[in-house]
Amino acid sequence: MAKNKIYPFAVASVRSMENSLLTKQKLMQIAEAKDMEEAIRMLGDTAYGKTQIRDVHLYEQMIANHLEETYVAVAGLIPTETFVDIFLYKNDYHNIKVLLKEEVSKVNGRPFLVRGGTIPVDKMAKNLRERNYVELPNIDGDAVELAVATYAKTQNARYIDTILDKACFATMAKAADKLGNDYVSKYVKTLMDITNLKSLLRIKKLEREGEELEECYILGGNLSLDLLLRAFRSESFIQVLKETQYGTLCEEYMGQGFTVFEKACDDYLMSYVKEAKYKTLTPEPVMAFILAKETEAKCVRIILACKLHDIDVEIIKERVRESYV
C-alpha cells in the first residue's frame, strides 16, 4: 500500500518544484497592482507567464493551462500510483455537471469546462451524450441518471449539483480507502466536513429549509447529519458546532459572513496540508504540492477577478488565502 512505500525521487522533484510557488508576499504585491494589465504583467514573471494572453479577460485560460501542466508533471513523478487522480475527480464531476446543464438548458456550457481531470473534455462530452459510462470509469453512471431524472421531475438544476457532488466525494473516498494513505484519507474527510459546514451556513443565511441541508449533506466525514441538523435548528447554531473539532473555526469566522468563513476554511485546509513539509520520503509532499498549487491558482483567480471589476485593494488582500510557502 502507498503508506508503506517511499518515493525519494518524487519528493526531491517536488521540493524543487515548490520554488515556483507564489509566496503570500508575492500574491499581495500582485493584489496591489494598479490595474488588471499590471497584475497580468507581474504574473508574466512567474510560471503562469508561460501562457501569453492578448486579452486580460482570458486570464482563466492562463490559470487553467498552468494547473494542467502541474497535474501532468506531478502525475509523471509516480506513474504507477493513482493518488493524483483523487484530486482530479472534482474536475471530472465539475465537467459532468456543466455538460448536463448544457444538455437540459440548451445553453452553451463550453466556456465553463475545465481541463485537468482524469478524462479529456471531448471524450467526456461524447460518452456522456451516448450515456456510455463504460468509457467513463471514474464517473458514477447511476448518479448521473438520478440527477437527470430528478431534474426532469423538479426542473431544478440544484439537484444536478447536489447529487453529483455526493457522487464525487464518494468516488474520492473510495479511491482514498483503496490507496490506504492516512494523510489523504484525513484530507478527504476534512474536505467533506468543511463542505457540509459551508452548506449549513449558506442555507441558514438564505433562510432555506432544513430539508435542503439533508439533500446536499455529504456522507463520510466526521460531522454527522444529526449534529448539523441540530445546529441548523438551534438559535445559537455556532454554539452547537463549538463541541466539534471545528469549534474554533466556526466560533471565530462563521458569524462574519460566508465570504470570510470560506476563506477561513481554505486556510484551515492549508494548515493541514502544510504538515507534509515535515515528510521526507513518503508521498505526502507530492500530494501537498497539488493542493498548494490549487490554492495558489484560486488566489490568482480571486485577485484577477477583483482587478477586472475594480474592487478595492484592501478588500482583495483580505480575500487572499494563506500560501504553502
Protein backbone atom coordinates (compact mmCIF):
# COMPACT_ATOMS: atom_id res chain seq x y z
CA MET A 1 0.00 0.00 0.00
CA ALA A 2 1.10 3.58 -0.63
CA LYS A 3 1.69 4.33 3.02
CA ASN A 4 4.39 1.65 3.13
CA LYS A 5 6.30 2.92 0.12
CA ILE A 6 8.94 5.60 -0.19
CA TYR A 7 9.41 7.96 -3.11
CA PRO A 8 12.78 9.72 -2.79
CA PHE A 9 12.90 10.90 -6.43
CA ALA A 10 9.31 12.17 -6.45
CA VAL A 11 9.73 14.03 -3.16
CA ALA A 12 13.05 15.56 -4.25
CA SER A 13 11.46 16.69 -7.52
CA VAL A 14 8.51 18.26 -5.72
CA ARG A 15 10.81 20.06 -3.29
CA SER A 16 12.44 21.65 -6.32
CA MET A 17 9.04 22.48 -7.87
CA GLU A 18 7.99 24.20 -4.64
CA ASN A 19 10.37 27.02 -5.57
CA SER A 20 7.87 28.02 -8.25
CA LEU A 21 5.04 28.50 -5.75
CA LEU A 22 3.98 32.09 -5.15
CA THR A 23 4.57 33.35 -1.62
CA LYS A 24 1.93 35.30 0.29
CA GLN A 25 4.12 38.36 -0.17
CA LYS A 26 4.15 37.93 -3.95
CA LEU A 27 0.38 37.45 -4.03
CA MET A 28 -0.06 40.64 -2.03
CA GLN A 29 2.19 42.52 -4.45
CA ILE A 30 0.02 41.37 -7.34
CA ALA A 31 -3.07 42.40 -5.38
CA GLU A 32 -1.56 45.88 -5.06
CA ALA A 33 -1.11 46.25 -8.83
CA LYS A 34 -2.69 49.46 -10.09
CA ASP A 35 -4.89 47.65 -12.60
CA MET A 36 -5.62 44.33 -14.32
CA GLU A 37 -2.96 44.86 -17.00
CA GLU A 38 -0.22 45.41 -14.43
CA ALA A 39 -1.32 42.33 -12.47
CA ILE A 40 -1.08 40.22 -15.63
CA ARG A 41 2.38 41.65 -16.35
CA MET A 42 3.53 40.75 -12.84
CA LEU A 43 2.31 37.18 -13.38
CA GLY A 44 4.32 37.11 -16.58
CA ASP A 45 7.45 36.76 -14.46
CA THR A 46 6.07 33.62 -12.79
CA ALA A 47 5.24 30.13 -14.04
CA TYR A 48 1.84 31.46 -15.15
CA GLY A 49 3.64 33.60 -17.72
CA LYS A 50 4.18 30.58 -19.98
CA THR A 51 0.72 31.29 -21.36
CA GLN A 52 0.59 34.62 -23.12
CA ILE A 53 -2.85 36.21 -23.36
CA ARG A 54 -3.71 39.22 -25.53
CA ASP A 55 -6.98 39.92 -23.77
CA VAL A 56 -7.00 40.25 -19.97
CA HIS A 57 -10.49 38.71 -19.94
CA LEU A 58 -8.84 35.40 -20.92
CA TYR A 59 -6.98 35.06 -17.63
CA GLU A 60 -8.82 31.80 -16.88
CA GLN A 61 -7.00 30.23 -19.81
CA MET A 62 -3.67 31.18 -18.28
CA ILE A 63 -4.64 29.67 -14.93
CA ALA A 64 -6.10 26.51 -16.50
CA ASN A 65 -3.00 25.91 -18.61
CA HIS A 66 -0.72 26.20 -15.61
CA LEU A 67 -2.83 23.88 -13.47
CA GLU A 68 -2.98 21.29 -16.24
CA GLU A 69 0.79 21.47 -16.61
CA THR A 70 1.12 20.93 -12.85
CA TYR A 71 -1.18 17.90 -12.85
CA VAL A 72 0.74 16.30 -15.73
CA ALA A 73 4.11 16.97 -14.12
CA VAL A 74 3.12 15.58 -10.73
CA ALA A 75 1.37 12.53 -12.19
CA GLY A 76 4.56 11.73 -14.08
CA LEU A 77 6.57 11.56 -10.87
CA ILE A 78 4.78 8.41 -9.66
CA PRO A 79 3.14 6.98 -12.79
CA THR A 80 2.40 3.62 -11.17
CA GLU A 81 0.20 5.19 -8.48
CA THR A 82 -3.22 6.74 -8.88
CA PHE A 83 -3.28 9.00 -5.84
CA VAL A 84 -3.09 12.12 -8.03
CA ASP A 85 -6.45 11.13 -9.54
CA ILE A 86 -8.15 11.61 -6.17
CA PHE A 87 -7.58 15.32 -6.51
CA LEU A 88 -8.68 15.42 -10.15
CA TYR A 89 -12.09 13.79 -9.75
CA LYS A 90 -13.60 17.13 -8.76
CA ASN A 91 -12.67 18.46 -12.21
CA ASP A 92 -14.32 15.45 -13.87
CA TYR A 93 -17.52 15.92 -11.91
CA HIS A 94 -17.49 19.65 -12.48
CA ASN A 95 -17.43 18.98 -16.21
CA ILE A 96 -20.22 16.41 -15.96
CA LYS A 97 -22.38 18.99 -14.19
CA VAL A 98 -21.63 21.62 -16.84
CA LEU A 99 -22.42 19.22 -19.68
CA LEU A 100 -25.68 18.06 -18.10
CA LYS A 101 -26.81 21.64 -17.53
CA GLU A 102 -25.94 22.41 -21.12
CA GLU A 103 -28.00 19.41 -22.18
CA VAL A 104 -31.12 20.40 -20.26
CA SER A 105 -30.91 24.17 -20.81
CA LYS A 106 -29.59 24.17 -24.40
CA VAL A 107 -27.21 26.95 -23.33
CA ASN A 108 -23.57 26.56 -24.38
CA GLY A 109 -21.53 25.47 -21.36
CA ARG A 110 -18.18 25.12 -23.11
CA PRO A 111 -16.68 28.27 -21.54
CA PHE A 112 -17.20 26.73 -18.10
CA LEU A 113 -15.50 23.40 -18.76
CA VAL A 114 -12.11 22.87 -17.12
CA ARG A 115 -9.09 20.85 -18.11
CA GLY A 116 -7.04 18.80 -15.68
CA GLY A 117 -9.45 15.97 -14.88
CA THR A 118 -8.79 12.27 -15.39
CA ILE A 119 -10.97 12.28 -18.52
CA PRO A 120 -10.34 14.58 -21.51
CA VAL A 121 -13.21 17.00 -22.03
CA ASP A 122 -14.04 15.88 -25.58
CA LYS A 123 -14.09 12.22 -24.56
CA MET A 124 -16.33 13.02 -21.63
CA ALA A 125 -18.76 15.03 -23.76
CA LYS A 126 -19.01 12.30 -26.40
CA ASN A 127 -19.58 9.46 -23.96
CA LEU A 128 -21.99 11.42 -21.83
CA ARG A 129 -24.13 12.15 -24.89
CA GLU A 130 -24.14 8.42 -25.65
CA ARG A 131 -24.61 7.53 -21.94
CA ASN A 132 -21.60 5.26 -22.35
CA TYR A 133 -20.41 5.05 -18.77
CA VAL A 134 -18.05 2.17 -19.52
CA GLU A 135 -15.74 4.76 -21.10
CA LEU A 136 -16.14 6.99 -18.04
CA PRO A 137 -14.82 4.63 -15.33
CA ASN A 138 -14.49 7.27 -12.62
CA ILE A 139 -17.98 8.66 -13.12
CA ASP A 140 -20.92 7.16 -11.24
CA GLY A 141 -23.37 6.49 -14.04
CA ASP A 142 -26.21 5.77 -11.63
CA ALA A 143 -25.70 9.20 -10.06
CA VAL A 144 -25.80 10.85 -13.47
CA GLU A 145 -29.06 9.08 -14.32
CA LEU A 146 -30.53 10.06 -10.96
CA ALA A 147 -29.51 13.69 -11.49
CA VAL A 148 -31.14 13.74 -14.93
CA ALA A 149 -34.33 12.07 -13.66
CA THR A 150 -34.57 14.39 -10.63
CA TYR A 151 -34.14 17.45 -12.81
CA ALA A 152 -36.84 16.19 -15.17
CA LYS A 153 -39.18 15.84 -12.21
CA THR A 154 -38.33 19.11 -10.44
CA GLN A 155 -36.93 21.37 -13.19
CA ASN A 156 -34.42 22.48 -10.55
CA ALA A 157 -30.75 22.37 -11.59
CA ARG A 158 -29.72 22.43 -7.93
CA TYR A 159 -30.25 18.69 -7.81
CA ILE A 160 -27.71 18.15 -10.57
CA ASP A 161 -25.15 19.80 -8.30
CA THR A 162 -26.10 18.09 -5.05
CA ILE A 163 -26.40 14.57 -6.48
CA LEU A 164 -23.15 14.75 -8.43
CA ASP A 165 -21.26 16.44 -5.59
CA LYS A 166 -22.17 13.47 -3.40
CA ALA A 167 -21.02 11.08 -6.13
CA CYS A 168 -17.74 12.96 -6.48
CA PHE A 169 -16.95 12.72 -2.78
CA ALA A 170 -17.92 9.04 -2.75
CA THR A 171 -15.50 8.44 -5.63
CA MET A 172 -12.74 10.31 -3.80
CA ALA A 173 -13.37 8.42 -0.56
CA LYS A 174 -13.36 5.05 -2.29
CA ALA A 175 -10.05 5.84 -4.01
CA ALA A 176 -8.55 7.13 -0.74
CA ASP A 177 -9.57 3.96 1.10
CA LYS A 178 -8.02 1.85 -1.63
CA LEU A 179 -4.84 3.91 -1.51
CA GLY A 180 -4.51 3.35 2.22
CA ASN A 181 -2.70 6.60 3.00
CA ASP A 182 -3.82 8.21 6.26
CA TYR A 183 -2.84 11.71 5.12
CA VAL A 184 -5.07 11.52 2.04
CA SER A 185 -7.95 9.86 3.89
CA LYS A 186 -7.92 12.55 6.58
CA TYR A 187 -7.81 15.28 3.95
CA VAL A 188 -10.83 13.87 2.11
CA LYS A 189 -12.82 13.56 5.35
CA THR A 190 -11.87 17.08 6.38
CA LEU A 191 -12.91 18.40 2.98
CA MET A 192 -16.28 16.64 3.40
CA ASP A 193 -16.76 18.29 6.80
CA ILE A 194 -15.78 21.72 5.51
CA THR A 195 -18.18 21.34 2.59
CA ASN A 196 -21.01 20.42 4.95
CA LEU A 197 -20.26 23.37 7.23
CA LYS A 198 -20.33 25.77 4.29
CA SER A 199 -23.62 24.27 3.13
CA LEU A 200 -25.06 24.74 6.61
CA LEU A 201 -24.05 28.40 6.75
CA ARG A 202 -25.25 29.13 3.21
CA ILE A 203 -28.66 27.53 3.76
CA LYS A 204 -29.00 29.22 7.15
CA LYS A 205 -28.17 32.66 5.73
CA LEU A 206 -30.58 32.20 2.82
CA GLU A 207 -33.29 31.16 5.30
CA ARG A 208 -33.96 27.93 3.46
CA GLU A 209 -35.43 24.77 4.96
CA GLY A 210 -33.51 22.03 6.77
CA GLU A 211 -34.61 19.64 4.04
CA GLU A 212 -32.14 21.32 1.69
CA LEU A 213 -29.31 20.62 4.13
CA GLU A 214 -30.31 16.95 4.19
CA GLU A 215 -30.33 16.86 0.39
CA CYS A 216 -26.82 18.26 -0.03
CA TYR A 217 -25.23 16.59 3.02
CA ILE A 218 -22.01 14.75 2.13
CA LEU A 219 -21.79 11.37 3.83
CA GLY A 220 -18.43 10.07 5.03
CA GLY A 221 -16.90 12.86 7.08
CA ASN A 222 -16.67 13.27 10.85
CA LEU A 223 -19.71 15.50 11.27
CA SER A 224 -23.00 13.62 11.41
CA LEU A 225 -26.16 14.83 9.71
CA ASP A 226 -27.95 14.74 13.08
CA LEU A 227 -25.45 17.17 14.58
CA LEU A 228 -25.66 19.55 11.61
CA LEU A 229 -29.45 19.50 11.69
CA ARG A 230 -29.39 20.17 15.42
CA ALA A 231 -27.14 23.16 14.76
CA PHE A 232 -29.37 24.31 11.91
CA ARG A 233 -32.48 24.28 14.10
CA SER A 234 -30.77 25.97 17.02
CA GLU A 235 -30.98 29.72 17.56
CA SER A 236 -27.29 29.57 18.50
CA PHE A 237 -26.04 27.19 15.83
CA ILE A 238 -22.41 28.21 16.32
CA GLN A 239 -22.62 27.15 19.96
CA VAL A 240 -23.69 23.67 18.86
CA LEU A 241 -20.73 23.45 16.48
CA LYS A 242 -18.28 24.51 19.20
CA GLU A 243 -18.35 20.94 20.51
CA THR A 244 -16.81 19.63 17.27
CA GLN A 245 -13.18 19.59 16.13
CA TYR A 246 -14.01 22.66 14.04
CA GLY A 247 -15.23 24.63 17.06
CA THR A 248 -12.62 27.39 16.89
CA LEU A 249 -13.05 27.77 13.13
CA CYS A 250 -16.83 28.12 13.46
CA GLU A 251 -16.75 30.37 16.54
CA GLU A 252 -14.25 32.83 15.10
CA TYR A 253 -15.44 33.07 11.50
CA MET A 254 -18.99 31.79 10.90
CA GLY A 255 -20.56 34.92 12.32
CA GLN A 256 -18.61 37.14 9.91
CA GLY A 257 -20.42 36.03 6.78
CA PHE A 258 -19.97 33.42 4.09
CA THR A 259 -17.05 35.07 2.24
CA VAL A 260 -14.97 35.36 5.41
CA PHE A 261 -15.85 31.84 6.52
CA GLU A 262 -15.00 30.37 3.11
CA LYS A 263 -11.54 31.94 3.25
CA ALA A 264 -11.06 30.67 6.82
CA CYS A 265 -11.98 27.16 5.66
CA ASP A 266 -9.40 27.32 2.89
CA ASP A 267 -6.78 28.47 5.37
CA TYR A 268 -7.79 25.66 7.73
CA LEU A 269 -7.19 23.12 4.96
CA MET A 270 -3.88 24.76 4.09
CA SER A 271 -2.71 24.41 7.71
CA TYR A 272 -3.33 20.69 7.38
CA VAL A 273 -1.59 20.48 4.01
CA LYS A 274 1.49 22.17 5.46
CA GLU A 275 2.06 19.18 7.73
CA ALA A 276 3.53 17.45 4.66
CA LYS A 277 6.53 19.75 4.82
CA TYR A 278 7.96 17.53 7.55
CA LYS A 279 7.77 14.35 5.47
CA THR A 280 10.84 13.35 3.53
CA LEU A 281 10.33 10.10 1.61
CA THR A 282 6.60 9.33 1.66
CA PRO A 283 4.16 10.70 -0.94
CA GLU A 284 2.57 13.37 1.29
CA PRO A 285 4.72 16.24 -0.09
CA VAL A 286 3.69 15.29 -3.63
CA MET A 287 0.00 15.45 -2.73
CA ALA A 288 0.55 18.64 -0.73
CA PHE A 289 2.11 20.31 -3.74
CA ILE A 290 -1.02 19.65 -5.81
CA LEU A 291 -3.24 21.16 -3.13
CA ALA A 292 -0.85 24.08 -2.65
CA LYS A 293 -0.88 24.82 -6.37
CA GLU A 294 -4.69 24.64 -6.48
CA THR A 295 -4.95 27.11 -3.60
CA GLU A 296 -2.45 29.38 -5.30
CA ALA A 297 -4.49 29.26 -8.52
CA LYS A 298 -7.61 30.17 -6.53
CA CYS A 299 -5.79 33.18 -5.10
CA VAL A 300 -4.64 34.30 -8.55
CA ARG A 301 -8.20 33.90 -9.83
CA ILE A 302 -9.61 35.94 -6.94
CA ILE A 303 -7.07 38.73 -7.46
CA LEU A 304 -7.60 38.96 -11.21
CA ALA A 305 -11.38 38.76 -10.99
CA CYS A 306 -11.37 41.55 -8.42
CA LYS A 307 -9.00 43.65 -10.53
CA LEU A 308 -11.28 43.17 -13.52
CA HIS A 309 -14.17 44.63 -11.51
CA ASP A 310 -12.14 47.41 -9.83
CA ILE A 311 -12.52 46.02 -6.31
CA ASP A 312 -10.67 47.96 -3.62
CA VAL A 313 -7.13 46.71 -2.96
CA GLU A 314 -7.71 46.19 0.76
CA ILE A 315 -10.76 44.02 0.08
CA ILE A 316 -8.73 41.94 -2.39
CA LYS A 317 -5.95 41.43 0.14
CA GLU A 318 -8.47 40.29 2.74
CA ARG A 319 -9.63 37.56 0.34
CA VAL A 320 -6.16 36.18 -0.47
CA ARG A 321 -5.66 32.75 1.10
CA GLU A 322 -2.64 31.54 3.05
CA SER A 323 0.06 30.13 0.83
CA TYR A 324 2.02 26.91 1.22
CA VAL A 325 5.39 28.68 1.14
